[in-house]
Amino acid sequence: MKKHIIIAGVPRAGKSTLSDRVARELGYQHISMDSVIAGFERCFPDLGVNTYQNKSSEETMRIISAKMAPFIQAMVESGEYDEHEYGMLIDMYQLLPSDYAANIDSGRVGAIWLVTGDVSYDERLAIQLKHDTPKDYTYGRPIDELAEGCRYIVDQSKIYRAECERLGLPFFETAHEREKVLDRAFECIKGM
């Protein structure tokens, strides 16, 4: 297995669920990169790692991904997790497969993407509502705001999938038979 693992993809696709399982069953140190990004937003706004920067959702995703991929590689190179049998398990939303391929050592860091793009926007909203919990930033938000976010998520899922297909990287569509698909994703990680 790879020393480090990234589970990337869109919100409510199962990243946290799968990350918790991988950490618990395989011993990886779980890091939520979305929490790190939130810290950058609050404490270092001049870095430009900001989810709310008055740009399109796709442009924001591309900006954050381009900045965070080299940051992740710097974390790997620090050696801080090398003394553990298994290293970091990073889950994050905004990491494009192309930025992973260009910036992160795939010999040491495996990655998969979880997407929900094989659904309509309304079906995606139903998935969001089904899996939203009080600890999610979207919990309790107005339906029209969630519906707009679901359009972005479906469109971003298609971008992630197209890049994964082009680069030969693993992705998993979790919109249907989510638990079975997450089991397959878990087996993929074990086989890395």
Protein backbone atom coordinates (compact mmCIF):
# COMPACT_ATOMS: atom_id res chain seq x y z
CA MET A 1 0.00 0.00 0.00
CA LYS A 2 1.02 3.61 -0.53
CA LYS A 3 2.58 5.49 2.35
CA HIS A 4 0.01 8.29 1.99
CA ILE A 5 -3.52 8.35 0.57
CA ILE A 6 -5.71 11.15 -0.75
CA ILE A 7 -9.47 10.72 -0.96
CA ALA A 8 -10.69 13.64 -3.04
CA GLY A 9 -14.03 14.53 -4.55
CA VAL A 10 -17.23 16.42 -4.17
CA PRO A 11 -19.25 17.04 -0.98
CA ARG A 12 -21.56 14.23 0.23
CA ALA A 13 -19.91 11.69 -2.07
CA GLY A 14 -18.60 9.70 0.92
CA LYS A 15 -15.10 11.13 1.48
CA SER A 16 -15.45 11.40 5.27
CA THR A 17 -17.19 8.05 5.58
CA LEU A 18 -14.48 6.30 3.57
CA SER A 19 -11.67 8.24 5.29
CA ASP A 20 -12.94 7.25 8.73
CA ARG A 21 -13.00 3.60 7.67
CA VAL A 22 -9.51 3.68 6.14
CA ALA A 23 -8.08 5.40 9.22
CA ARG A 24 -9.82 3.01 11.62
CA GLU A 25 -9.15 -0.25 9.77
CA LEU A 26 -5.76 0.46 8.18
CA GLY A 27 -4.13 2.83 10.68
CA TYR A 28 -3.64 5.96 8.58
CA GLN A 29 -3.52 9.40 10.26
CA HIS A 30 -6.65 11.21 9.00
CA ILE A 31 -6.28 14.87 7.99
CA SER A 32 -9.23 16.89 6.74
CA MET A 33 -7.66 19.28 4.24
CA ASP A 34 -10.95 21.17 4.07
CA SER A 35 -10.33 22.18 7.71
CA VAL A 36 -6.82 23.34 6.78
CA ILE A 37 -8.28 25.37 3.91
CA ALA A 38 -10.81 26.93 6.30
CA GLY A 39 -7.89 27.94 8.53
CA PHE A 40 -6.08 29.51 5.58
CA GLU A 41 -9.25 31.42 4.66
CA ARG A 42 -9.59 32.85 8.15
CA CYS A 43 -5.95 33.49 9.10
CA PHE A 44 -4.12 34.01 5.81
CA PRO A 45 -6.60 35.49 3.30
CA ASP A 46 -3.74 36.96 1.24
CA LEU A 47 -2.76 33.41 0.16
CA GLY A 48 -5.77 33.27 -2.16
CA VAL A 49 -6.90 29.92 -0.77
CA ASN A 50 -10.46 31.06 -0.34
CA THR A 51 -13.70 29.28 -1.18
CA TYR A 52 -15.59 32.58 -1.27
CA GLN A 53 -13.68 34.78 -3.72
CA ASN A 54 -16.43 36.05 -6.06
CA LYS A 55 -15.39 33.72 -8.87
CA SER A 56 -17.24 30.85 -10.50
CA SER A 57 -17.31 27.58 -8.62
CA GLU A 58 -15.10 25.94 -11.25
CA GLU A 59 -12.56 28.79 -11.23
CA THR A 60 -12.42 28.72 -7.42
CA MET A 61 -11.87 24.95 -7.51
CA ARG A 62 -9.02 25.35 -9.99
CA ILE A 63 -7.33 28.11 -7.95
CA ILE A 64 -7.51 26.20 -4.65
CA SER A 65 -6.42 22.92 -6.26
CA ALA A 66 -3.39 24.56 -7.90
CA LYS A 67 -2.28 26.01 -4.55
CA MET A 68 -3.03 22.99 -2.35
CA ALA A 69 -1.39 20.28 -4.47
CA PRO A 70 2.17 21.65 -3.92
CA PHE A 71 1.29 22.21 -0.25
CA ILE A 72 0.36 18.52 0.10
CA GLN A 73 3.62 17.51 -1.58
CA ALA A 74 5.52 19.71 0.91
CA MET A 75 3.71 17.90 3.74
CA VAL A 76 4.83 14.56 2.27
CA GLU A 77 8.41 15.77 1.87
CA SER A 78 8.52 16.99 5.49
CA GLY A 79 8.88 13.38 6.63
CA GLU A 80 6.72 14.03 9.68
CA TYR A 81 4.65 10.90 9.07
CA ASP A 82 7.50 8.65 7.94
CA GLU A 83 7.98 7.11 11.39
CA HIS A 84 4.48 5.59 11.27
CA GLU A 85 3.75 2.35 9.44
CA TYR A 86 1.07 4.22 7.52
CA GLY A 87 1.21 7.93 6.91
CA MET A 88 -1.34 10.59 6.10
CA LEU A 89 -4.83 10.01 4.85
CA ILE A 90 -5.98 13.32 3.41
CA ASP A 91 -9.58 13.92 2.47
CA MET A 92 -10.41 17.02 0.50
CA TYR A 93 -12.88 18.55 -1.88
CA GLN A 94 -10.90 20.76 -4.22
CA LEU A 95 -8.07 18.73 -5.74
CA LEU A 96 -8.06 18.24 -9.49
CA PRO A 97 -6.53 15.01 -10.80
CA SER A 98 -4.31 17.08 -13.13
CA ASP A 99 -2.86 19.00 -10.16
CA TYR A 100 -2.26 15.73 -8.31
CA ALA A 101 -0.44 14.31 -11.36
CA ALA A 102 1.66 17.45 -11.87
CA ASN A 103 2.61 18.16 -8.25
CA ILE A 104 2.35 15.11 -6.00
CA ASP A 105 4.70 12.11 -5.92
CA SER A 106 2.41 9.28 -7.00
CA GLY A 107 5.07 6.78 -5.93
CA ARG A 108 4.42 7.73 -2.31
CA VAL A 109 0.89 9.14 -2.46
CA GLY A 110 -2.07 7.26 -3.91
CA ALA A 111 -5.31 9.05 -4.72
CA ILE A 112 -8.90 8.32 -5.60
CA TRP A 113 -11.83 10.62 -6.41
CA LEU A 114 -15.44 10.22 -5.30
CA VAL A 115 -17.98 11.86 -7.60
CA THR A 116 -21.73 12.16 -8.03
CA GLY A 117 -22.15 13.23 -11.63
CA ASP A 118 -24.42 10.49 -13.04
CA VAL A 119 -27.54 12.22 -11.72
CA SER A 120 -29.69 15.23 -12.47
CA TYR A 121 -29.33 18.35 -10.33
CA ASP A 122 -32.56 17.47 -8.48
CA GLU A 123 -31.37 13.91 -7.81
CA ARG A 124 -28.10 15.35 -6.48
CA LEU A 125 -30.06 17.60 -4.14
CA ALA A 126 -31.89 14.54 -2.79
CA ILE A 127 -28.51 12.86 -2.11
CA GLN A 128 -27.31 16.00 -0.34
CA LEU A 129 -30.37 16.14 1.89
CA LYS A 130 -30.13 12.43 2.67
CA HIS A 131 -26.49 12.60 3.79
CA ASP A 132 -26.33 16.08 5.37
CA THR A 133 -25.61 16.00 9.08
CA PRO A 134 -25.45 18.77 11.70
CA LYS A 135 -21.64 18.79 11.43
CA ASP A 136 -21.76 19.62 7.67
CA TYR A 137 -21.46 23.26 6.61
CA THR A 138 -24.53 22.87 4.38
CA TYR A 139 -26.81 21.56 7.13
CA GLY A 140 -29.94 23.64 7.54
CA ARG A 141 -29.16 25.98 4.64
CA PRO A 142 -32.06 27.16 2.44
CA ILE A 143 -33.13 24.71 -0.27
CA ASP A 144 -32.52 27.20 -3.10
CA GLU A 145 -28.91 27.68 -1.90
CA LEU A 146 -28.41 23.91 -1.68
CA ALA A 147 -29.92 23.42 -5.15
CA GLU A 148 -27.48 25.93 -6.63
CA GLY A 149 -24.59 24.15 -4.90
CA CYS A 150 -25.77 20.80 -6.30
CA ARG A 151 -25.49 22.15 -9.84
CA TYR A 152 -21.84 22.99 -9.13
CA ILE A 153 -21.24 19.57 -7.59
CA VAL A 154 -22.65 17.67 -10.58
CA ASP A 155 -20.62 19.81 -12.98
CA GLN A 156 -17.44 19.45 -10.91
CA SER A 157 -17.99 15.68 -10.69
CA LYS A 158 -17.93 15.56 -14.48
CA ILE A 159 -14.66 17.51 -14.54
CA TYR A 160 -13.07 15.18 -11.97
CA ARG A 161 -14.25 12.11 -13.88
CA ALA A 162 -13.01 13.39 -17.26
CA GLU A 163 -9.57 14.20 -15.80
CA CYS A 164 -9.37 10.82 -14.03
CA GLU A 165 -10.25 9.01 -17.24
CA ARG A 166 -7.67 11.02 -19.22
CA LEU A 167 -4.93 10.42 -16.63
CA GLY A 168 -5.85 6.82 -15.77
CA LEU A 169 -6.61 7.65 -12.12
CA PRO A 170 -9.27 5.84 -10.06
CA PHE A 171 -12.66 7.43 -9.47
CA PHE A 172 -15.87 6.10 -8.02
CA GLU A 173 -19.41 7.25 -8.80
CA THR A 174 -21.28 7.14 -5.49
CA ALA A 175 -24.66 8.50 -6.59
CA HIS A 176 -26.04 4.94 -6.88
CA GLU A 177 -25.42 1.99 -4.55
CA ARG A 178 -23.22 4.21 -2.39
CA GLU A 179 -22.28 1.59 0.23
CA LYS A 180 -21.23 -0.98 -2.38
CA VAL A 181 -19.24 1.63 -4.28
CA LEU A 182 -17.49 2.77 -1.09
CA ASP A 183 -16.60 -0.88 -0.39
CA ARG A 184 -14.99 -1.06 -3.86
CA ALA A 185 -13.14 2.19 -3.20
CA PHE A 186 -11.86 0.78 0.09
CA GLU A 187 -10.55 -2.31 -1.72
CA CYS A 188 -8.88 -0.06 -4.32
CA ILE A 189 -7.07 1.81 -1.55
CA LYS A 190 -5.95 -1.48 0.04
CA GLY A 191 -4.54 -2.51 -3.33
CA MET A 192 -2.49 0.64 -3.86
